[in-house]
Amino acid sequence: SNLADPVAQVMAAKQALQSFPETELTRFSSLYSSPPMDASD
């Protein structure tokens, strides 16, 4: 994510993954910051 509070977006997605049917979240990495792939603004 890089919009609308990206840390909060990724953490909200982590929570949502835990509610997927027939699925268990087993591990989750640290968060990493990275520049955009196309070196844009």
Full PDB file with SEQRES, HELIX, SHEET, SSBOND, CRYST1, ORIGX, SCALE, CONECT and MASTER records, all heavy atoms in Angstrom:
SEQRES   1 A   41  SER ASN LEU ALA ASP PRO VAL ALA GLN VAL MET ALA ALA          
SEQRES   2 A   41  LYS GLN ALA LEU GLN SER PHE PRO GLU THR GLU LEU THR          
SEQRES   3 A   41  ARG PHE SER SER LEU TYR SER SER PRO PRO MET ASP ALA          
SEQRES   4 A   41  SER ASP                                                      
HELIX    1 AA1 PRO A    6  LEU A   17  1                                  12    
CRYST1    1.000    1.000    1.000  90.00  90.00  90.00 P 1           1          
ORIGX1      1.000000  0.000000  0.000000        0.00000                         
ORIGX2      0.000000  1.000000  0.000000        0.00000                         
ORIGX3      0.000000  0.000000  1.000000        0.00000                         
SCALE1      1.000000  0.000000  0.000000        0.00000                         
SCALE2      0.000000  1.000000  0.000000        0.00000                         
SCALE3      0.000000  0.000000  1.000000        0.00000                         
ATOM      1  N   SER A   1       0.851  -1.192   0.000  1.00  0.00           N  
ATOM      2  CA  SER A   1       0.000   0.000   0.000  1.00  0.00           C  
ATOM      3  C   SER A   1       0.887   1.242   0.000  1.00  0.00           C  
ATOM      4  O   SER A   1       1.952   1.240   0.617  1.00  0.00           O  
ATOM      5  CB  SER A   1      -0.894   0.018   1.247  1.00  0.00           C  
ATOM      6  OG  SER A   1      -1.594   1.248   1.332  1.00  0.00           O  
ATOM      7  N   ASN A   2       0.420   2.288  -0.675  1.00  0.00           N  
ATOM      8  CA  ASN A   2       1.113   3.576  -0.558  1.00  0.00           C  
ATOM      9  C   ASN A   2       0.138   4.760  -0.520  1.00  0.00           C  
ATOM     10  O   ASN A   2       0.535   5.891  -0.751  1.00  0.00           O  
ATOM     11  CB  ASN A   2       2.167   3.752  -1.654  1.00  0.00           C  
ATOM     12  CG  ASN A   2       1.596   4.034  -3.027  1.00  0.00           C  
ATOM     13  OD1 ASN A   2       0.444   3.710  -3.318  1.00  0.00           O  
ATOM     14  ND2 ASN A   2       2.408   4.633  -3.875  1.00  0.00           N  
ATOM     15  N   LEU A   3      -1.120   4.484  -0.198  1.00  0.00           N  
ATOM     16  CA  LEU A   3      -2.122   5.546  -0.076  1.00  0.00           C  
ATOM     17  C   LEU A   3      -2.950   5.364   1.198  1.00  0.00           C  
ATOM     18  O   LEU A   3      -3.114   4.237   1.668  1.00  0.00           O  
ATOM     19  CB  LEU A   3      -3.086   5.521  -1.274  1.00  0.00           C  
ATOM     20  CG  LEU A   3      -2.545   5.895  -2.645  1.00  0.00           C  
ATOM     21  CD1 LEU A   3      -3.654   5.737  -3.688  1.00  0.00           C  
ATOM     22  CD2 LEU A   3      -1.979   7.297  -2.664  1.00  0.00           C  
ATOM     23  N   ALA A   4      -3.516   6.465   1.669  1.00  0.00           N  
ATOM     24  CA  ALA A   4      -4.505   6.440   2.759  1.00  0.00           C  
ATOM     25  C   ALA A   4      -3.974   5.703   3.985  1.00  0.00           C  
ATOM     26  O   ALA A   4      -4.583   4.747   4.452  1.00  0.00           O  
ATOM     27  CB  ALA A   4      -5.829   5.841   2.271  1.00  0.00           C  
ATOM     28  N   ASP A   5      -2.838   6.153   4.506  1.00  0.00           N  
ATOM     29  CA  ASP A   5      -2.194   5.560   5.678  1.00  0.00           C  
ATOM     30  C   ASP A   5      -1.806   4.111   5.400  1.00  0.00           C  
ATOM     31  O   ASP A   5      -2.456   3.170   5.868  1.00  0.00           O  
ATOM     32  CB  ASP A   5      -3.091   5.657   6.916  1.00  0.00           C  
ATOM     33  CG  ASP A   5      -2.344   5.315   8.204  1.00  0.00           C  
ATOM     34  OD1 ASP A   5      -1.185   4.829   8.153  1.00  0.00           O  
ATOM     35  OD2 ASP A   5      -2.933   5.529   9.279  1.00  0.00           O  
ATOM     36  N   PRO A   6      -0.740   3.911   4.609  1.00  0.00           N  
ATOM     37  CA  PRO A   6      -0.360   2.573   4.168  1.00  0.00           C  
ATOM     38  C   PRO A   6      -0.138   1.560   5.299  1.00  0.00           C  
ATOM     39  O   PRO A   6      -0.527   0.395   5.144  1.00  0.00           O  
ATOM     40  CB  PRO A   6       0.942   2.809   3.390  1.00  0.00           C  
ATOM     41  CG  PRO A   6       0.866   4.221   2.946  1.00  0.00           C  
ATOM     42  CD  PRO A   6       0.120   4.941   4.020  1.00  0.00           C  
ATOM     43  N   VAL A   7       0.439   1.976   6.407  1.00  0.00           N  
ATOM     44  CA  VAL A   7       0.630   1.032   7.519  1.00  0.00           C  
ATOM     45  C   VAL A   7      -0.727   0.537   8.004  1.00  0.00           C  
ATOM     46  O   VAL A   7      -0.937  -0.669   8.194  1.00  0.00           O  
ATOM     47  CB  VAL A   7       1.445   1.666   8.670  1.00  0.00           C  
ATOM     48  CG1 VAL A   7       1.412   0.779   9.907  1.00  0.00           C  
ATOM     49  CG2 VAL A   7       2.887   1.923   8.232  1.00  0.00           C  
ATOM     50  N   ALA A   8      -1.669   1.445   8.178  1.00  0.00           N  
ATOM     51  CA  ALA A   8      -3.013   1.057   8.622  1.00  0.00           C  
ATOM     52  C   ALA A   8      -3.698   0.174   7.584  1.00  0.00           C  
ATOM     53  O   ALA A   8      -4.397  -0.782   7.944  1.00  0.00           O  
ATOM     54  CB  ALA A   8      -3.859   2.301   8.905  1.00  0.00           C  
ATOM     55  N   GLN A   9      -3.501   0.465   6.295  1.00  0.00           N  
ATOM     56  CA  GLN A   9      -4.103  -0.358   5.237  1.00  0.00           C  
ATOM     57  C   GLN A   9      -3.592  -1.795   5.310  1.00  0.00           C  
ATOM     58  O   GLN A   9      -4.372  -2.755   5.242  1.00  0.00           O  
ATOM     59  CB  GLN A   9      -3.782   0.225   3.849  1.00  0.00           C  
ATOM     60  CG  GLN A   9      -4.470   1.527   3.542  1.00  0.00           C  
ATOM     61  CD  GLN A   9      -5.950   1.366   3.245  1.00  0.00           C  
ATOM     62  OE1 GLN A   9      -6.462   0.274   3.025  1.00  0.00           O  
ATOM     63  NE2 GLN A   9      -6.658   2.479   3.225  1.00  0.00           N  
ATOM     64  N   VAL A  10      -2.276  -1.955   5.455  1.00  0.00           N  
ATOM     65  CA  VAL A  10      -1.692  -3.304   5.494  1.00  0.00           C  
ATOM     66  C   VAL A  10      -2.123  -4.034   6.764  1.00  0.00           C  
ATOM     67  O   VAL A  10      -2.463  -5.218   6.722  1.00  0.00           O  
ATOM     68  CB  VAL A  10      -0.153  -3.234   5.359  1.00  0.00           C  
ATOM     69  CG1 VAL A  10       0.487  -4.589   5.643  1.00  0.00           C  
ATOM     70  CG2 VAL A  10       0.223  -2.747   3.957  1.00  0.00           C  
ATOM     71  N   MET A  11      -2.171  -3.329   7.887  1.00  0.00           N  
ATOM     72  CA  MET A  11      -2.578  -3.976   9.132  1.00  0.00           C  
ATOM     73  C   MET A  11      -4.068  -4.341   9.113  1.00  0.00           C  
ATOM     74  O   MET A  11      -4.465  -5.388   9.641  1.00  0.00           O  
ATOM     75  CB  MET A  11      -2.227  -3.111  10.338  1.00  0.00           C  
ATOM     76  CG  MET A  11      -0.712  -2.883  10.498  1.00  0.00           C  
ATOM     77  SD  MET A  11       0.307  -4.392  10.395  1.00  0.00           S  
ATOM     78  CE  MET A  11      -0.162  -5.192  11.918  1.00  0.00           C  
ATOM     79  N   ALA A  12      -4.897  -3.510   8.482  1.00  0.00           N  
ATOM     80  CA  ALA A  12      -6.321  -3.851   8.334  1.00  0.00           C  
ATOM     81  C   ALA A  12      -6.477  -5.075   7.430  1.00  0.00           C  
ATOM     82  O   ALA A  12      -7.312  -5.950   7.693  1.00  0.00           O  
ATOM     83  CB  ALA A  12      -7.095  -2.662   7.762  1.00  0.00           C  
ATOM     84  N   ALA A  13      -5.659  -5.157   6.390  1.00  0.00           N  
ATOM     85  CA  ALA A  13      -5.707  -6.320   5.512  1.00  0.00           C  
ATOM     86  C   ALA A  13      -5.269  -7.573   6.267  1.00  0.00           C  
ATOM     87  O   ALA A  13      -5.871  -8.645   6.088  1.00  0.00           O  
ATOM     88  CB  ALA A  13      -4.826  -6.096   4.284  1.00  0.00           C  
ATOM     89  N   LYS A  14      -4.262  -7.447   7.109  1.00  0.00           N  
ATOM     90  CA  LYS A  14      -3.824  -8.595   7.922  1.00  0.00           C  
ATOM     91  C   LYS A  14      -4.993  -9.111   8.759  1.00  0.00           C  
ATOM     92  O   LYS A  14      -5.247 -10.319   8.817  1.00  0.00           O  
ATOM     93  CB  LYS A  14      -2.663  -8.195   8.824  1.00  0.00           C  
ATOM     94  CG  LYS A  14      -2.222  -9.298   9.776  1.00  0.00           C  
ATOM     95  CD  LYS A  14      -1.163  -8.802  10.744  1.00  0.00           C  
ATOM     96  CE  LYS A  14      -0.770  -9.900  11.729  1.00  0.00           C  
ATOM     97  NZ  LYS A  14       0.185  -9.425  12.743  1.00  0.00           N  
ATOM     98  N   GLN A  15      -5.719  -8.209   9.399  1.00  0.00           N  
ATOM     99  CA  GLN A  15      -6.888  -8.600  10.204  1.00  0.00           C  
ATOM    100  C   GLN A  15      -7.932  -9.292   9.337  1.00  0.00           C  
ATOM    101  O   GLN A  15      -8.496 -10.314   9.723  1.00  0.00           O  
ATOM    102  CB  GLN A  15      -7.497  -7.382  10.893  1.00  0.00           C  
ATOM    103  CG  GLN A  15      -6.674  -6.823  12.031  1.00  0.00           C  
ATOM    104  CD  GLN A  15      -6.443  -7.843  13.130  1.00  0.00           C  
ATOM    105  OE1 GLN A  15      -5.316  -8.225  13.397  1.00  0.00           O  
ATOM    106  NE2 GLN A  15      -7.498  -8.310  13.759  1.00  0.00           N  
ATOM    107  N   ALA A  16      -8.179  -8.736   8.156  1.00  0.00           N  
ATOM    108  CA  ALA A  16      -9.199  -9.295   7.274  1.00  0.00           C  
ATOM    109  C   ALA A  16      -8.812 -10.681   6.758  1.00  0.00           C  
ATOM    110  O   ALA A  16      -9.680 -11.545   6.594  1.00  0.00           O  
ATOM    111  CB  ALA A  16      -9.455  -8.343   6.105  1.00  0.00           C  
ATOM    112  N   LEU A  17      -7.531 -10.906   6.517  1.00  0.00           N  
ATOM    113  CA  LEU A  17      -7.077 -12.222   6.046  1.00  0.00           C  
ATOM    114  C   LEU A  17      -7.428 -13.313   7.056  1.00  0.00           C  
ATOM    115  O   LEU A  17      -7.690 -14.448   6.681  1.00  0.00           O  
ATOM    116  CB  LEU A  17      -5.563 -12.220   5.806  1.00  0.00           C  
ATOM    117  CG  LEU A  17      -5.040 -11.398   4.632  1.00  0.00           C  
ATOM    118  CD1 LEU A  17      -3.510 -11.406   4.628  1.00  0.00           C  
ATOM    119  CD2 LEU A  17      -5.589 -11.893   3.305  1.00  0.00           C  
ATOM    120  N   GLN A  18      -7.465 -12.949   8.325  1.00  0.00           N  
ATOM    121  CA  GLN A  18      -7.773 -13.915   9.377  1.00  0.00           C  
ATOM    122  C   GLN A  18      -9.233 -14.367   9.340  1.00  0.00           C  
ATOM    123  O   GLN A  18      -9.586 -15.352   9.980  1.00  0.00           O  
ATOM    124  CB  GLN A  18      -7.418 -13.330  10.744  1.00  0.00           C  
ATOM    125  CG  GLN A  18      -5.924 -13.086  10.889  1.00  0.00           C  
ATOM    126  CD  GLN A  18      -5.550 -12.482  12.209  1.00  0.00           C  
ATOM    127  OE1 GLN A  18      -5.903 -13.007  13.250  1.00  0.00           O  
ATOM    128  NE2 GLN A  18      -4.817 -11.378  12.167  1.00  0.00           N  
ATOM    129  N   SER A  19     -10.062 -13.653   8.588  1.00  0.00           N  
ATOM    130  CA  SER A  19     -11.479 -14.027   8.518  1.00  0.00           C  
ATOM    131  C   SER A  19     -11.844 -14.723   7.208  1.00  0.00           C  
ATOM    132  O   SER A  19     -13.021 -15.015   6.980  1.00  0.00           O  
ATOM    133  CB  SER A  19     -12.346 -12.780   8.707  1.00  0.00           C  
ATOM    134  OG  SER A  19     -12.190 -11.901   7.610  1.00  0.00           O  
ATOM    135  N   PHE A  20     -10.860 -15.003   6.363  1.00  0.00           N  
ATOM    136  CA  PHE A  20     -11.150 -15.704   5.111  1.00  0.00           C  
ATOM    137  C   PHE A  20     -11.673 -17.098   5.434  1.00  0.00           C  
ATOM    138  O   PHE A  20     -11.181 -17.754   6.359  1.00  0.00           O  
ATOM    139  CB  PHE A  20      -9.893 -15.820   4.249  1.00  0.00           C  
ATOM    140  CG  PHE A  20      -9.587 -14.617   3.399  1.00  0.00           C  
ATOM    141  CD1 PHE A  20     -10.084 -13.369   3.702  1.00  0.00           C  
ATOM    142  CD2 PHE A  20      -8.780 -14.742   2.294  1.00  0.00           C  
ATOM    143  CE1 PHE A  20      -9.793 -12.263   2.920  1.00  0.00           C  
ATOM    144  CE2 PHE A  20      -8.474 -13.655   1.490  1.00  0.00           C  
ATOM    145  CZ  PHE A  20      -8.986 -12.412   1.811  1.00  0.00           C  
ATOM    146  N   PRO A  21     -12.653 -17.586   4.667  1.00  0.00           N  
ATOM    147  CA  PRO A  21     -13.191 -18.928   4.915  1.00  0.00           C  
ATOM    148  C   PRO A  21     -12.140 -20.004   4.656  1.00  0.00           C  
ATOM    149  O   PRO A  21     -11.298 -19.851   3.769  1.00  0.00           O  
ATOM    150  CB  PRO A  21     -14.352 -19.036   3.920  1.00  0.00           C  
ATOM    151  CG  PRO A  21     -14.043 -18.042   2.854  1.00  0.00           C  
ATOM    152  CD  PRO A  21     -13.280 -16.934   3.513  1.00  0.00           C  
ATOM    153  N   GLU A  22     -12.197 -21.061   5.464  1.00  0.00           N  
ATOM    154  CA  GLU A  22     -11.335 -22.234   5.286  1.00  0.00           C  
ATOM    155  C   GLU A  22      -9.853 -21.875   5.199  1.00  0.00           C  
ATOM    156  O   GLU A  22      -9.085 -22.534   4.498  1.00  0.00           O  
ATOM    157  CB  GLU A  22     -11.757 -23.015   4.033  1.00  0.00           C  
ATOM    158  CG  GLU A  22     -13.210 -23.463   4.059  1.00  0.00           C  
ATOM    159  CD  GLU A  22     -13.612 -24.126   2.763  1.00  0.00           C  
ATOM    160  OE1 GLU A  22     -13.080 -25.216   2.498  1.00  0.00           O  
ATOM    161  OE2 GLU A  22     -14.434 -23.539   2.036  1.00  0.00           O  
ATOM    162  N   THR A  23      -9.474 -20.814   5.918  1.00  0.00           N  
ATOM    163  CA  THR A  23      -8.108 -20.299   5.821  1.00  0.00           C  
ATOM    164  C   THR A  23      -7.621 -19.875   7.199  1.00  0.00           C  
ATOM    165  O   THR A  23      -8.382 -19.313   7.988  1.00  0.00           O  
ATOM    166  CB  THR A  23      -8.070 -19.080   4.870  1.00  0.00           C  
ATOM    167  OG1 THR A  23      -8.557 -19.490   3.595  1.00  0.00           O  
ATOM    168  CG2 THR A  23      -6.673 -18.520   4.712  1.00  0.00           C  
ATOM    169  N   GLU A  24      -6.350 -20.153   7.453  1.00  0.00           N  
ATOM    170  CA  GLU A  24      -5.721 -19.759   8.714  1.00  0.00           C  
ATOM    171  C   GLU A  24      -4.467 -18.943   8.400  1.00  0.00           C  
ATOM    172  O   GLU A  24      -3.636 -19.367   7.585  1.00  0.00           O  
ATOM    173  CB  GLU A  24      -5.337 -21.030   9.487  1.00  0.00           C  
ATOM    174  CG  GLU A  24      -4.519 -20.789  10.722  1.00  0.00           C  
ATOM    175  CD  GLU A  24      -3.964 -22.082  11.301  1.00  0.00           C  
ATOM    176  OE1 GLU A  24      -4.104 -23.163  10.686  1.00  0.00           O  
ATOM    177  OE2 GLU A  24      -3.353 -21.998  12.375  1.00  0.00           O  
ATOM    178  N   LEU A  25      -4.340 -17.777   9.005  1.00  0.00           N  
ATOM    179  CA  LEU A  25      -3.132 -16.972   8.884  1.00  0.00           C  
ATOM    180  C   LEU A  25      -2.100 -17.572   9.830  1.00  0.00           C  
ATOM    181  O   LEU A  25      -2.332 -17.636  11.038  1.00  0.00           O  
ATOM    182  CB  LEU A  25      -3.419 -15.509   9.250  1.00  0.00           C  
ATOM    183  CG  LEU A  25      -2.232 -14.556   9.193  1.00  0.00           C  
ATOM    184  CD1 LEU A  25      -1.705 -14.411   7.772  1.00  0.00           C  
ATOM    185  CD2 LEU A  25      -2.634 -13.195   9.743  1.00  0.00           C  
ATOM    186  N   THR A  26      -0.978 -18.058   9.301  1.00  0.00           N  
ATOM    187  CA  THR A  26       0.001 -18.766  10.128  1.00  0.00           C  
ATOM    188  C   THR A  26       1.221 -17.919  10.476  1.00  0.00           C  
ATOM    189  O   THR A  26       1.792 -18.075  11.552  1.00  0.00           O  
ATOM    190  CB  THR A  26       0.439 -20.082   9.459  1.00  0.00           C  
ATOM    191  OG1 THR A  26       0.831 -19.815   8.113  1.00  0.00           O  
ATOM    192  CG2 THR A  26      -0.705 -21.093   9.467  1.00  0.00           C  
ATOM    193  N   ARG A  27       1.655 -17.045   9.574  1.00  0.00           N  
ATOM    194  CA  ARG A  27       2.786 -16.155   9.857  1.00  0.00           C  
ATOM    195  C   ARG A  27       2.603 -14.858   9.084  1.00  0.00           C  
ATOM    196  O   ARG A  27       1.975 -14.834   8.027  1.00  0.00           O  
ATOM    197  CB  ARG A  27       4.120 -16.793   9.448  1.00  0.00           C  
ATOM    198  CG  ARG A  27       4.567 -17.894  10.392  1.00  0.00           C  
ATOM    199  CD  ARG A  27       5.987 -18.328  10.099  1.00  0.00           C  
ATOM    200  NE  ARG A  27       5.955 -19.310   9.014  1.00  0.00           N  
ATOM    201  CZ  ARG A  27       6.997 -20.012   8.614  1.00  0.00           C  
ATOM    202  NH1 ARG A  27       8.172 -19.835   9.193  1.00  0.00           N  
ATOM    203  NH2 ARG A  27       6.897 -20.881   7.639  1.00  0.00           N  
ATOM    204  N   PHE A  28       3.193 -13.794   9.631  1.00  0.00           N  
ATOM    205  CA  PHE A  28       3.106 -12.486   8.981  1.00  0.00           C  
ATOM    206  C   PHE A  28       4.438 -11.783   9.190  1.00  0.00           C  
ATOM    207  O   PHE A  28       4.939 -11.705  10.310  1.00  0.00           O  
ATOM    208  CB  PHE A  28       1.955 -11.666   9.586  1.00  0.00           C  
ATOM    209  CG  PHE A  28       1.528 -10.504   8.747  1.00  0.00           C  
ATOM    210  CD1 PHE A  28       0.643 -10.679   7.691  1.00  0.00           C  
ATOM    211  CD2 PHE A  28       2.016  -9.235   8.998  1.00  0.00           C  
ATOM    212  CE1 PHE A  28       0.244  -9.609   6.911  1.00  0.00           C  
ATOM    213  CE2 PHE A  28       1.628  -8.154   8.223  1.00  0.00           C  
ATOM    214  CZ  PHE A  28       0.734  -8.344   7.170  1.00  0.00           C  
ATOM    215  N   SER A  29       5.012 -11.283   8.118  1.00  0.00           N  
ATOM    216  CA  SER A  29       6.328 -10.642   8.195  1.00  0.00           C  
ATOM    217  C   SER A  29       6.252  -9.280   8.868  1.00  0.00           C  
ATOM    218  O   SER A  29       5.172  -8.731   9.097  1.00  0.00           O  
ATOM    219  CB  SER A  29       6.903 -10.458   6.788  1.00  0.00           C  
ATOM    220  OG  SER A  29       6.247  -9.396   6.107  1.00  0.00           O  
ATOM    221  N   SER A  30       7.420  -8.734   9.114  1.00  0.00           N  
ATOM    222  CA  SER A  30       7.524  -7.326   9.501  1.00  0.00           C  
ATOM    223  C   SER A  30       7.049  -6.477   8.322  1.00  0.00           C  
ATOM    224  O   SER A  30       6.898  -6.973   7.202  1.00  0.00           O  
ATOM    225  CB  SER A  30       8.981  -6.966   9.799  1.00  0.00           C  
ATOM    226  OG  SER A  30       9.491  -7.752  10.838  1.00  0.00           O  
ATOM    227  N   LEU A  31       6.849  -5.207   8.578  1.00  0.00           N  
ATOM    228  CA  LEU A  31       6.529  -4.262   7.514  1.00  0.00           C  
ATOM    229  C   LEU A  31       7.834  -3.708   6.945  1.00  0.00           C  
ATOM    230  O   LEU A  31       8.801  -3.503   7.681  1.00  0.00           O  
ATOM    231  CB  LEU A  31       5.669  -3.120   8.041  1.00  0.00           C  
ATOM    232  CG  LEU A  31       4.331  -3.506   8.667  1.00  0.00           C  
ATOM    233  CD1 LEU A  31       3.577  -2.262   9.108  1.00  0.00           C  
ATOM    234  CD2 LEU A  31       3.483  -4.336   7.718  1.00  0.00           C  
ATOM    235  N   TYR A  32       7.829  -3.471   5.639  1.00  0.00           N  
ATOM    236  CA  TYR A  32       8.992  -2.936   4.938  1.00  0.00           C  
ATOM    237  C   TYR A  32       8.561  -1.714   4.141  1.00  0.00           C  
ATOM    238  O   TYR A  32       7.486  -1.708   3.551  1.00  0.00           O  
ATOM    239  CB  TYR A  32       9.572  -3.975   3.980  1.00  0.00           C  
ATOM    240  CG  TYR A  32      10.247  -5.136   4.666  1.00  0.00           C  
ATOM    241  CD1 TYR A  32       9.505  -6.137   5.272  1.00  0.00           C  
ATOM    242  CD2 TYR A  32      11.637  -5.228   4.712  1.00  0.00           C  
ATOM    243  CE1 TYR A  32      10.124  -7.208   5.910  1.00  0.00           C  
ATOM    244  CE2 TYR A  32      12.260  -6.291   5.352  1.00  0.00           C  
ATOM    245  CZ  TYR A  32      11.500  -7.278   5.946  1.00  0.00           C  
ATOM    246  OH  TYR A  32      12.113  -8.325   6.588  1.00  0.00           O  
ATOM    247  N   SER A  33       9.414  -0.716   4.111  1.00  0.00           N  
ATOM    248  CA  SER A  33       9.192   0.462   3.282  1.00  0.00           C  
ATOM    249  C   SER A  33      10.025   0.298   2.012  1.00  0.00           C  
ATOM    250  O   SER A  33      11.172  -0.142   2.077  1.00  0.00           O  
ATOM    251  CB  SER A  33       9.636   1.706   4.045  1.00  0.00           C  
ATOM    252  OG  SER A  33       9.572   2.846   3.218  1.00  0.00           O  
ATOM    253  N   SER A  34       9.431   0.642   0.863  1.00  0.00           N  
ATOM    254  CA  SER A  34      10.168   0.529  -0.394  1.00  0.00           C  
ATOM    255  C   SER A  34       9.737   1.630  -1.358  1.00  0.00           C  
ATOM    256  O   SER A  34       8.590   2.060  -1.354  1.00  0.00           O  
ATOM    257  CB  SER A  34       9.941  -0.843  -1.031  1.00  0.00           C  
ATOM    258  OG  SER A  34       8.585  -1.020  -1.369  1.00  0.00           O  
ATOM    259  N   PRO A  35      10.676   2.072  -2.191  1.00  0.00           N  
ATOM    260  CA  PRO A  35      10.328   3.090  -3.188  1.00  0.00           C  
ATOM    261  C   PRO A  35       9.456   2.487  -4.283  1.00  0.00           C  
ATOM    262  O   PRO A  35       9.481   1.271  -4.498  1.00  0.00           O  
ATOM    263  CB  PRO A  35      11.695   3.520  -3.746  1.00  0.00           C  
ATOM    264  CG  PRO A  35      12.603   2.371  -3.486  1.00  0.00           C  
ATOM    265  CD  PRO A  35      12.085   1.686  -2.256  1.00  0.00           C  
ATOM    266  N   PRO A  36       8.683   3.318  -4.997  1.00  0.00           N  
ATOM    267  CA  PRO A  36       7.870   2.798  -6.102  1.00  0.00           C  
ATOM    268  C   PRO A  36       8.767   2.182  -7.180  1.00  0.00           C  
ATOM    269  O   PRO A  36       9.898   2.621  -7.380  1.00  0.00           O  
ATOM    270  CB  PRO A  36       7.120   4.017  -6.628  1.00  0.00           C  
ATOM    271  CG  PRO A  36       7.720   5.201  -5.975  1.00  0.00           C  
ATOM    272  CD  PRO A  36       8.536   4.753  -4.821  1.00  0.00           C  
ATOM    273  N   MET A  37       8.251   1.157  -7.854  1.00  0.00           N  
ATOM    274  CA  MET A  37       9.051   0.423  -8.846  1.00  0.00           C  
ATOM    275  C   MET A  37       9.489   1.293 -10.016  1.00  0.00           C  
ATOM    276  O   MET A  37      10.573   1.129 -10.537  1.00  0.00           O  
ATOM    277  CB  MET A  37       8.268  -0.775  -9.389  1.00  0.00           C  
ATOM    278  CG  MET A  37       8.185  -1.891  -8.411  1.00  0.00           C  
ATOM    279  SD  MET A  37       7.535  -3.452  -9.057  1.00  0.00           S  
ATOM    280  CE  MET A  37       6.697  -3.050 -10.543  1.00  0.00           C  
ATOM    281  N   ASP A  38       8.647   2.215 -10.431  1.00  0.00           N  
ATOM    282  CA  ASP A  38       8.966   2.999 -11.622  1.00  0.00           C  
ATOM    283  C   ASP A  38       9.664   4.323 -11.294  1.00  0.00           C  
ATOM    284  O   ASP A  38       9.810   5.173 -12.153  1.00  0.00           O  
ATOM    285  CB  ASP A  38       7.709   3.248 -12.443  1.00  0.00           C  
ATOM    286  CG  ASP A  38       6.668   4.058 -11.687  1.00  0.00           C  
ATOM    287  OD1 ASP A  38       6.914   4.432 -10.523  1.00  0.00           O  
ATOM    288  OD2 ASP A  38       5.602   4.312 -12.267  1.00  0.00           O  
ATOM    289  N   ALA A  39      10.103   4.485 -10.035  1.00  0.00           N  
ATOM    290  CA  ALA A  39      10.818   5.689  -9.599  1.00  0.00           C  
ATOM    291  C   ALA A  39      10.040   6.969  -9.890  1.00  0.00           C  
ATOM    292  O   ALA A  39      10.614   8.013 -10.125  1.00  0.00           O  
ATOM    293  CB  ALA A  39      12.212   5.746 -10.225  1.00  0.00           C  
ATOM    294  N   SER A  40       8.718   6.863  -9.873  1.00  0.00           N  
ATOM    295  CA  SER A  40       7.883   8.034 -10.136  1.00  0.00           C  
ATOM    296  C   SER A  40       7.764   8.880  -8.869  1.00  0.00           C  
ATOM    297  O   SER A  40       8.384   8.605  -7.853  1.00  0.00           O  
ATOM    298  CB  SER A  40       6.498   7.586 -10.596  1.00  0.00           C  
ATOM    299  OG  SER A  40       5.830   6.968  -9.512  1.00  0.00           O  
ATOM    300  N   ASP A  41       6.921   9.894  -8.941  1.00  0.00           N  
ATOM    301  CA  ASP A  41       6.758  10.787  -7.803  1.00  0.00           C  
ATOM    302  C   ASP A  41       5.685  10.313  -6.827  1.00  0.00           C  
ATOM    303  O   ASP A  41       5.241  11.062  -5.977  1.00  0.00           O  
ATOM    304  CB  ASP A  41       6.445  12.202  -8.289  1.00  0.00           C  
ATOM    305  CG  ASP A  41       5.160  12.273  -9.105  1.00  0.00           C  
ATOM    306  OD1 ASP A  41       4.535  11.220  -9.336  1.00  0.00           O  
ATOM    307  OD2 ASP A  41       4.798  13.387  -9.501  1.00  0.00           O  
TER     308      ASP A  41                                                      
MASTER        0    0    0    1    0    0    0    6  307    1    0    4          
END                                                                             
